[in-house]
Amino acid sequence: MAGERQEVWKLLTIFGTIGMTMVFSVFIGLGIGYFLDHKVFDGRTAPWLTLIFLGFGIAAAFKNLYVLSQRKDL
């Protein structure tokens, strides 16, 4: 019984990690792009850098998902 509970908690932490890395990667990319567009270049490049870095964030999220899926200890 205790072993099953421990396995459930292990799976919950793994799935929580996957969700957080996906969300954080996308929002970090979006934040960097927004900052560059509006603070560094004074809106002259808007919305292009935001969209480019959003794409980088999405790519990083899927890369992290791939790396997590390749772990042997899951």
C-alpha atoms as a PDB file:
ATOM      1  CA  MET A   1       0.000   0.000   0.000  1.00  0.00           C
ATOM      2  CA  ALA A   2       2.768   2.453   0.916  1.00  0.00           C
ATOM      3  CA  GLY A   3       4.671   1.550  -2.243  1.00  0.00           C
ATOM      4  CA  GLU A   4       1.660   2.408  -4.405  1.00  0.00           C
ATOM      5  CA  ARG A   5       1.244   5.759  -2.677  1.00  0.00           C
ATOM      6  CA  GLN A   6       4.918   6.535  -3.184  1.00  0.00           C
ATOM      7  CA  GLU A   7       4.621   5.649  -6.886  1.00  0.00           C
ATOM      8  CA  VAL A   8       1.601   7.946  -7.249  1.00  0.00           C
ATOM      9  CA  TRP A   9       3.503  10.859  -5.687  1.00  0.00           C
ATOM     10  CA  LYS A  10       6.473  10.175  -7.954  1.00  0.00           C
ATOM     11  CA  LEU A  11       4.238  10.301 -11.037  1.00  0.00           C
ATOM     12  CA  LEU A  12       2.519  13.481  -9.820  1.00  0.00           C
ATOM     13  CA  THR A  13       5.865  15.221  -9.413  1.00  0.00           C
ATOM     14  CA  ILE A  14       6.990  14.095 -12.863  1.00  0.00           C
ATOM     15  CA  PHE A  15       3.803  15.339 -14.528  1.00  0.00           C
ATOM     16  CA  GLY A  16       3.951  18.567 -12.533  1.00  0.00           C
ATOM     17  CA  THR A  17       7.505  19.112 -13.707  1.00  0.00           C
ATOM     18  CA  ILE A  18       6.466  18.552 -17.317  1.00  0.00           C
ATOM     19  CA  GLY A  19       3.636  21.060 -17.044  1.00  0.00           C
ATOM     20  CA  MET A  20       5.730  23.704 -15.322  1.00  0.00           C
ATOM     21  CA  THR A  21       8.613  23.433 -17.785  1.00  0.00           C
ATOM     22  CA  MET A  22       6.215  23.771 -20.711  1.00  0.00           C
ATOM     23  CA  VAL A  23       4.522  26.860 -19.255  1.00  0.00           C
ATOM     24  CA  PHE A  24       7.696  28.539 -18.000  1.00  0.00           C
ATOM     25  CA  SER A  25       9.556  28.035 -21.277  1.00  0.00           C
ATOM     26  CA  VAL A  26       6.763  29.637 -23.290  1.00  0.00           C
ATOM     27  CA  PHE A  27       6.307  32.571 -20.891  1.00  0.00           C
ATOM     28  CA  ILE A  28      10.041  33.242 -20.609  1.00  0.00           C
ATOM     29  CA  GLY A  29      10.338  33.375 -24.399  1.00  0.00           C
ATOM     30  CA  LEU A  30       7.293  35.618 -24.613  1.00  0.00           C
ATOM     31  CA  GLY A  31       8.621  37.888 -21.867  1.00  0.00           C
ATOM     32  CA  ILE A  32      12.029  38.286 -23.470  1.00  0.00           C
ATOM     33  CA  GLY A  33      10.467  39.116 -26.831  1.00  0.00           C
ATOM     34  CA  TYR A  34       8.071  41.619 -25.296  1.00  0.00           C
ATOM     35  CA  PHE A  35      10.871  43.255 -23.325  1.00  0.00           C
ATOM     36  CA  LEU A  36      13.062  43.582 -26.401  1.00  0.00           C
ATOM     37  CA  ASP A  37      10.201  44.962 -28.493  1.00  0.00           C
ATOM     38  CA  HIS A  38       8.926  47.530 -26.033  1.00  0.00           C
ATOM     39  CA  LYS A  39      11.857  48.488 -23.790  1.00  0.00           C
ATOM     40  CA  VAL A  40      14.965  48.090 -25.921  1.00  0.00           C
ATOM     41  CA  PHE A  41      13.672  49.011 -29.373  1.00  0.00           C
ATOM     42  CA  ASP A  42      10.823  51.319 -28.218  1.00  0.00           C
ATOM     43  CA  GLY A  43       8.128  49.439 -30.122  1.00  0.00           C
ATOM     44  CA  ARG A  44       9.789  49.816 -33.527  1.00  0.00           C
ATOM     45  CA  THR A  45      10.074  46.057 -33.976  1.00  0.00           C
ATOM     46  CA  ALA A  46       6.727  45.124 -32.396  1.00  0.00           C
ATOM     47  CA  PRO A  47       5.349  42.449 -32.644  1.00  0.00           C
ATOM     48  CA  TRP A  48       8.122  40.645 -34.507  1.00  0.00           C
ATOM     49  CA  LEU A  49      10.579  39.984 -31.697  1.00  0.00           C
ATOM     50  CA  THR A  50       7.727  38.930 -29.442  1.00  0.00           C
ATOM     51  CA  LEU A  51       6.590  36.381 -32.016  1.00  0.00           C
ATOM     52  CA  ILE A  52      10.126  35.166 -32.720  1.00  0.00           C
ATOM     53  CA  PHE A  53      10.940  34.644 -29.058  1.00  0.00           C
ATOM     54  CA  LEU A  54       7.539  33.075 -28.469  1.00  0.00           C
ATOM     55  CA  GLY A  55       8.529  30.552 -31.134  1.00  0.00           C
ATOM     56  CA  PHE A  56      11.862  30.000 -29.375  1.00  0.00           C
ATOM     57  CA  GLY A  57       9.999  29.440 -26.099  1.00  0.00           C
ATOM     58  CA  ILE A  58       7.672  26.903 -27.693  1.00  0.00           C
ATOM     59  CA  ALA A  59      10.650  25.114 -29.274  1.00  0.00           C
ATOM     60  CA  ALA A  60      12.432  25.061 -25.907  1.00  0.00           C
ATOM     61  CA  ALA A  61       9.297  23.657 -24.262  1.00  0.00           C
ATOM     62  CA  PHE A  62       9.129  20.774 -26.722  1.00  0.00           C
ATOM     63  CA  LYS A  63      12.876  20.175 -26.398  1.00  0.00           C
ATOM     64  CA  ASN A  64      12.473  19.938 -22.620  1.00  0.00           C
ATOM     65  CA  LEU A  65       9.529  17.591 -23.100  1.00  0.00           C
ATOM     66  CA  TYR A  66      11.676  15.386 -25.343  1.00  0.00           C
ATOM     67  CA  VAL A  67      14.545  15.364 -22.839  1.00  0.00           C
ATOM     68  CA  LEU A  68      12.174  14.430 -20.002  1.00  0.00           C
ATOM     69  CA  SER A  69      10.674  11.650 -22.091  1.00  0.00           C
ATOM     70  CA  GLN A  70      14.128  10.162 -22.719  1.00  0.00           C
ATOM     71  CA  ARG A  71      14.989   9.832 -19.038  1.00  0.00           C
ATOM     72  CA  LYS A  72      15.586   6.234 -18.025  1.00  0.00           C
ATOM     73  CA  ASP A  73      14.469   6.546 -14.409  1.00  0.00           C
ATOM     74  CA  LEU A  74      10.789   7.184 -15.166  1.00  0.00           C
END
